[in-house]
Amino acid sequence: MPIVVNLDVMLAKRKMRSRDLAPLVGITEQNISLLKSGKVKGVRFDTLERICAVLNCQPGDILEFVAQDTSRTAAPSSADS
């Protein structure tokens, strides 16, 4: 998946546990865990906003785009022949 969730990194930097973050953000500890593991398809902007407010960070500190290597799936060009 090209979007990596670095919530665990931010929690470690802030010396905070998921169980402490959850009530401050207003979501369950299980949902924090799912978000940390990257097992969610999306996150609501208001949830992301509350996480950033509590952790005093930017959305880019939590979410990161990592480009996938497409060289293996790309069709060969005429220069490759």
C-alpha atoms as a PDB file:
ATOM      1  CA  MET A   1       0.000   0.000   0.000  1.00  0.00           C
ATOM      2  CA  PRO A   2       1.508   3.357  -0.975  1.00  0.00           C
ATOM      3  CA  ILE A   3       0.154   5.197   2.088  1.00  0.00           C
ATOM      4  CA  VAL A   4       2.044   4.336   5.281  1.00  0.00           C
ATOM      5  CA  VAL A   5       0.623   5.246   8.697  1.00  0.00           C
ATOM      6  CA  ASN A   6       3.309   6.426  11.121  1.00  0.00           C
ATOM      7  CA  LEU A   7       1.026   6.925  14.107  1.00  0.00           C
ATOM      8  CA  ASP A   8       3.087   4.545  16.227  1.00  0.00           C
ATOM      9  CA  VAL A   9       6.170   6.690  15.556  1.00  0.00           C
ATOM     10  CA  MET A  10       4.375   9.875  16.641  1.00  0.00           C
ATOM     11  CA  LEU A  11       3.038   8.177  19.755  1.00  0.00           C
ATOM     12  CA  ALA A  12       6.556   7.074  20.673  1.00  0.00           C
ATOM     13  CA  LYS A  13       7.929  10.578  20.079  1.00  0.00           C
ATOM     14  CA  ARG A  14       5.252  12.013  22.364  1.00  0.00           C
ATOM     15  CA  LYS A  15       5.704   9.197  24.914  1.00  0.00           C
ATOM     16  CA  MET A  16       2.004   8.397  24.698  1.00  0.00           C
ATOM     17  CA  ARG A  17       0.169   5.097  24.492  1.00  0.00           C
ATOM     18  CA  SER A  18      -2.770   4.241  22.258  1.00  0.00           C
ATOM     19  CA  ARG A  19      -4.990   3.776  25.295  1.00  0.00           C
ATOM     20  CA  ASP A  20      -4.209   7.340  26.367  1.00  0.00           C
ATOM     21  CA  LEU A  21      -4.783   8.799  22.889  1.00  0.00           C
ATOM     22  CA  ALA A  22      -8.118   7.098  22.207  1.00  0.00           C
ATOM     23  CA  PRO A  23     -10.298   8.964  24.735  1.00  0.00           C
ATOM     24  CA  LEU A  24      -8.633  12.281  23.898  1.00  0.00           C
ATOM     25  CA  VAL A  25      -9.465  11.793  20.219  1.00  0.00           C
ATOM     26  CA  GLY A  26     -12.897  10.312  20.844  1.00  0.00           C
ATOM     27  CA  ILE A  27     -12.446   6.943  19.122  1.00  0.00           C
ATOM     28  CA  THR A  28     -11.953   3.467  20.505  1.00  0.00           C
ATOM     29  CA  GLU A  29      -8.587   1.985  21.322  1.00  0.00           C
ATOM     30  CA  GLN A  30      -9.361  -0.744  18.773  1.00  0.00           C
ATOM     31  CA  ASN A  31      -9.759   1.876  16.046  1.00  0.00           C
ATOM     32  CA  ILE A  32      -6.447   3.473  17.050  1.00  0.00           C
ATOM     33  CA  SER A  33      -4.862   0.018  16.766  1.00  0.00           C
ATOM     34  CA  LEU A  34      -6.368  -0.554  13.316  1.00  0.00           C
ATOM     35  CA  LEU A  35      -5.149   2.849  12.185  1.00  0.00           C
ATOM     36  CA  LYS A  36      -1.638   2.197  13.519  1.00  0.00           C
ATOM     37  CA  SER A  37      -1.463  -1.122  11.688  1.00  0.00           C
ATOM     38  CA  GLY A  38      -2.620   0.411   8.407  1.00  0.00           C
ATOM     39  CA  LYS A  39      -5.624  -1.911   8.235  1.00  0.00           C
ATOM     40  CA  VAL A  40      -8.091   0.898   7.532  1.00  0.00           C
ATOM     41  CA  LYS A  41      -9.188   2.101   4.101  1.00  0.00           C
ATOM     42  CA  GLY A  42      -9.526   5.696   5.223  1.00  0.00           C
ATOM     43  CA  VAL A  43      -9.631   8.135   8.094  1.00  0.00           C
ATOM     44  CA  ARG A  44     -12.071  10.974   8.590  1.00  0.00           C
ATOM     45  CA  PHE A  45     -10.536  14.434   8.441  1.00  0.00           C
ATOM     46  CA  ASP A  46     -12.084  15.391  11.781  1.00  0.00           C
ATOM     47  CA  THR A  47     -10.457  12.329  13.389  1.00  0.00           C
ATOM     48  CA  LEU A  48      -7.120  13.182  11.790  1.00  0.00           C
ATOM     49  CA  GLU A  49      -7.523  16.758  12.989  1.00  0.00           C
ATOM     50  CA  ARG A  50      -8.107  15.637  16.600  1.00  0.00           C
ATOM     51  CA  ILE A  51      -5.131  13.241  16.471  1.00  0.00           C
ATOM     52  CA  CYS A  52      -2.915  16.056  15.187  1.00  0.00           C
ATOM     53  CA  ALA A  53      -4.209  18.450  17.851  1.00  0.00           C
ATOM     54  CA  VAL A  54      -3.534  15.979  20.676  1.00  0.00           C
ATOM     55  CA  LEU A  55      -0.100  14.961  19.351  1.00  0.00           C
ATOM     56  CA  ASN A  56       0.791  18.523  18.284  1.00  0.00           C
ATOM     57  CA  CYS A  57       1.803  17.418  14.799  1.00  0.00           C
ATOM     58  CA  GLN A  58       0.893  17.756  11.129  1.00  0.00           C
ATOM     59  CA  PRO A  59      -1.031  15.169   9.051  1.00  0.00           C
ATOM     60  CA  GLY A  60       2.187  14.550   7.118  1.00  0.00           C
ATOM     61  CA  ASP A  61       3.828  13.410  10.342  1.00  0.00           C
ATOM     62  CA  ILE A  62       1.272  10.604  10.544  1.00  0.00           C
ATOM     63  CA  LEU A  63       0.597   9.746   6.893  1.00  0.00           C
ATOM     64  CA  GLU A  64       3.340   9.150   4.351  1.00  0.00           C
ATOM     65  CA  PHE A  65       3.163   8.375   0.627  1.00  0.00           C
ATOM     66  CA  VAL A  66       5.660   5.723  -0.465  1.00  0.00           C
ATOM     67  CA  ALA A  67       5.825   5.199  -4.208  1.00  0.00           C
ATOM     68  CA  GLN A  68       5.612   1.609  -5.348  1.00  0.00           C
ATOM     69  CA  ASP A  69       8.213   0.200  -7.705  1.00  0.00           C
ATOM     70  CA  THR A  70       6.383  -0.009 -11.021  1.00  0.00           C
ATOM     71  CA  SER A  71       9.437  -0.972 -13.081  1.00  0.00           C
ATOM     72  CA  ARG A  72       8.571  -4.668 -12.831  1.00  0.00           C
ATOM     73  CA  THR A  73       5.026  -4.247 -14.113  1.00  0.00           C
ATOM     74  CA  ALA A  74       5.678  -1.670 -16.830  1.00  0.00           C
ATOM     75  CA  ALA A  75       5.666  -2.831 -20.421  1.00  0.00           C
ATOM     76  CA  PRO A  76       9.140  -2.863 -21.972  1.00  0.00           C
ATOM     77  CA  SER A  77       9.941   0.125 -24.137  1.00  0.00           C
ATOM     78  CA  SER A  78      11.454  -0.109 -27.597  1.00  0.00           C
ATOM     79  CA  ALA A  79      14.819   0.880 -26.083  1.00  0.00           C
ATOM     80  CA  ASP A  80      14.763  -2.330 -24.005  1.00  0.00           C
ATOM     81  CA  SER A  81      14.666  -4.574 -27.092  1.00  0.00           C
END
